[in-house]
C-alpha atoms as a PDB file:
ATOM      1  CA  MET A   1     111.024  97.435 162.542  1.00  0.00           C
ATOM      2  CA  LYS A   2     112.873  94.297 161.603  1.00  0.00           C
ATOM      3  CA  VAL A   3     113.240  93.595 157.884  1.00  0.00           C
ATOM      4  CA  ASP A   4     112.440  90.067 156.757  1.00  0.00           C
ATOM      5  CA  TRP A   5     115.101  89.843 154.008  1.00  0.00           C
ATOM      6  CA  THR A   6     113.561  86.648 152.570  1.00  0.00           C
ATOM      7  CA  THR A   7     110.252  88.342 151.884  1.00  0.00           C
ATOM      8  CA  LEU A   8     111.984  91.429 150.606  1.00  0.00           C
ATOM      9  CA  ILE A   9     114.068  89.449 148.120  1.00  0.00           C
ATOM     10  CA  GLY A  10     110.888  87.684 147.037  1.00  0.00           C
ATOM     11  CA  LEU A  11     108.994  90.925 146.579  1.00  0.00           C
ATOM     12  CA  ILE A  12     111.792  92.461 144.472  1.00  0.00           C
ATOM     13  CA  ALA A  13     111.962  89.312 142.358  1.00  0.00           C
ATOM     14  CA  ALA A  14     108.195  89.424 141.928  1.00  0.00           C
ATOM     15  CA  ILE A  15     108.193  93.047 140.828  1.00  0.00           C
ATOM     16  CA  CYS A  16     110.975  92.248 138.180  1.00  0.00           C
ATOM     17  CA  THR A  17     109.286  89.149 136.838  1.00  0.00           C
ATOM     18  CA  THR A  18     105.796  90.649 136.788  1.00  0.00           C
ATOM     19  CA  ALA A  19     107.050  93.861 135.124  1.00  0.00           C
ATOM     20  CA  SER A  20     108.581  91.879 132.320  1.00  0.00           C
ATOM     21  CA  PHE A  21     105.091  91.155 130.893  1.00  0.00           C
ATOM     22  CA  LEU A  22     104.133  94.889 130.615  1.00  0.00           C
ATOM     23  CA  PRO A  23     106.158  95.644 127.420  1.00  0.00           C
ATOM     24  CA  GLN A  24     104.450  92.855 125.524  1.00  0.00           C
ATOM     25  CA  VAL A  25     101.036  93.587 126.761  1.00  0.00           C
ATOM     26  CA  VAL A  26     101.450  97.409 125.983  1.00  0.00           C
ATOM     27  CA  LYS A  27     102.927  96.689 122.530  1.00  0.00           C
ATOM     28  CA  THR A  28     100.103  94.238 121.723  1.00  0.00           C
ATOM     29  CA  LEU A  29      97.362  96.597 122.937  1.00  0.00           C
ATOM     30  CA  ARG A  30      98.771  99.448 120.788  1.00  0.00           C
ATOM     31  CA  SER A  31      99.578  97.461 117.604  1.00  0.00           C
ATOM     32  CA  LYS A  32      96.817  94.796 117.794  1.00  0.00           C
ATOM     33  CA  ARG A  33      99.352  92.539 115.888  1.00  0.00           C
ATOM     34  CA  THR A  34      99.809  89.035 117.328  1.00  0.00           C
ATOM     35  CA  THR A  35     101.072  87.053 114.546  1.00  0.00           C
ATOM     36  CA  ASP A  36     104.609  86.484 116.119  1.00  0.00           C
ATOM     37  CA  ILE A  37     103.107  85.582 119.523  1.00  0.00           C
ATOM     38  CA  SER A  38     102.947  81.887 120.314  1.00  0.00           C
ATOM     39  CA  LEU A  39      99.550  80.987 121.747  1.00  0.00           C
ATOM     40  CA  SER A  40     100.708  77.691 122.981  1.00  0.00           C
ATOM     41  CA  MET A  41     103.641  79.225 124.743  1.00  0.00           C
ATOM     42  CA  TYR A  42     101.400  81.691 126.461  1.00  0.00           C
ATOM     43  CA  GLY A  43      98.819  79.026 127.306  1.00  0.00           C
ATOM     44  CA  ILE A  44     101.400  76.872 128.933  1.00  0.00           C
ATOM     45  CA  LEU A  45     102.941  79.900 130.785  1.00  0.00           C
ATOM     46  CA  ALA A  46      99.489  80.984 131.964  1.00  0.00           C
ATOM     47  CA  THR A  47      98.761  77.474 133.204  1.00  0.00           C
ATOM     48  CA  GLY A  48     102.169  77.378 135.091  1.00  0.00           C
ATOM     49  CA  LEU A  49     101.412  80.873 136.533  1.00  0.00           C
ATOM     50  CA  PHE A  50      98.030  79.860 137.748  1.00  0.00           C
ATOM     51  CA  LEU A  51      99.456  76.667 139.426  1.00  0.00           C
ATOM     52  CA  TRP A  52     102.107  78.828 141.101  1.00  0.00           C
ATOM     53  CA  LEU A  53      99.389  81.145 142.314  1.00  0.00           C
ATOM     54  CA  VAL A  54      97.496  78.251 143.829  1.00  0.00           C
ATOM     55  CA  TYR A  55     100.752  77.119 145.539  1.00  0.00           C
ATOM     56  CA  GLY A  56     101.324  80.606 146.874  1.00  0.00           C
ATOM     57  CA  LEU A  57      97.836  80.645 148.258  1.00  0.00           C
ATOM     58  CA  ILE A  58      98.276  77.289 149.912  1.00  0.00           C
ATOM     59  CA  LEU A  59     101.493  78.529 151.587  1.00  0.00           C
ATOM     60  CA  ARG A  60     100.061  81.967 152.224  1.00  0.00           C
ATOM     61  CA  ASP A  61     103.213  83.400 150.682  1.00  0.00           C
ATOM     62  CA  VAL A  62     102.659  87.001 149.722  1.00  0.00           C
ATOM     63  CA  PRO A  63     105.363  87.415 147.035  1.00  0.00           C
ATOM     64  CA  LEU A  64     104.295  84.253 145.291  1.00  0.00           C
ATOM     65  CA  ILE A  65     100.508  85.353 145.447  1.00  0.00           C
ATOM     66  CA  LEU A  66     101.233  88.891 144.183  1.00  0.00           C
ATOM     67  CA  ALA A  67     103.737  88.008 141.439  1.00  0.00           C
ATOM     68  CA  ASN A  68     101.850  85.067 140.046  1.00  0.00           C
ATOM     69  CA  GLY A  69      98.379  86.596 140.367  1.00  0.00           C
ATOM     70  CA  VAL A  70      99.477  89.747 138.447  1.00  0.00           C
ATOM     71  CA  SER A  71     101.550  87.794 135.945  1.00  0.00           C
ATOM     72  CA  PHE A  72      98.761  85.303 135.327  1.00  0.00           C
ATOM     73  CA  GLY A  73      96.404  88.260 134.619  1.00  0.00           C
ATOM     74  CA  LEU A  74      98.906  89.798 132.195  1.00  0.00           C
ATOM     75  CA  ALA A  75      99.592  86.523 130.379  1.00  0.00           C
ATOM     76  CA  MET A  76      95.943  85.952 129.994  1.00  0.00           C
ATOM     77  CA  CYS A  77      95.542  89.519 128.488  1.00  0.00           C
ATOM     78  CA  VAL A  78      98.069  88.459 125.797  1.00  0.00           C
ATOM     79  CA  VAL A  79      96.181  85.168 125.252  1.00  0.00           C
ATOM     80  CA  PHE A  80      92.863  87.100 124.889  1.00  0.00           C
ATOM     81  CA  LEU A  81      94.515  89.567 122.506  1.00  0.00           C
ATOM     82  CA  LYS A  82      95.991  86.759 120.452  1.00  0.00           C
ATOM     83  CA  LEU A  83      92.644  84.942 120.202  1.00  0.00           C
ATOM     84  CA  ARG A  84      90.955  88.290 119.343  1.00  0.00           C
ATOM     85  CA  HIS A  85      93.354  89.579 116.833  1.00  0.00           C
ATOM     86  CA  GLY A  86      94.819  86.338 115.479  1.00  0.00           C
END
C-alpha cells in the first residue's frame, strides 16, 4: 500500500489542532466557570471553522472535513457553555 504523505501530514495536523480544544472543553464542563472565556473570540473561531468545513466539503478533502467538523463541534460546545454559565 502506497502512503499519500500529503494526506498523512494533513491528518496528523488535524489531530493536533482538534485535540487542542479538548482541555478547554473538559475544564469548562467540570468547573462550569466561563468568565475568562471570550464569547466573541469563540464566535469568530466557530464561524471560521464552519467555513473551513464547507471548503473541505467542496474539495472533498478528508483531513479538512474531519479536523474542522470536530473542531467546530468543540468550539460550539464552549460557546454553548459560555452562554449557559455566563
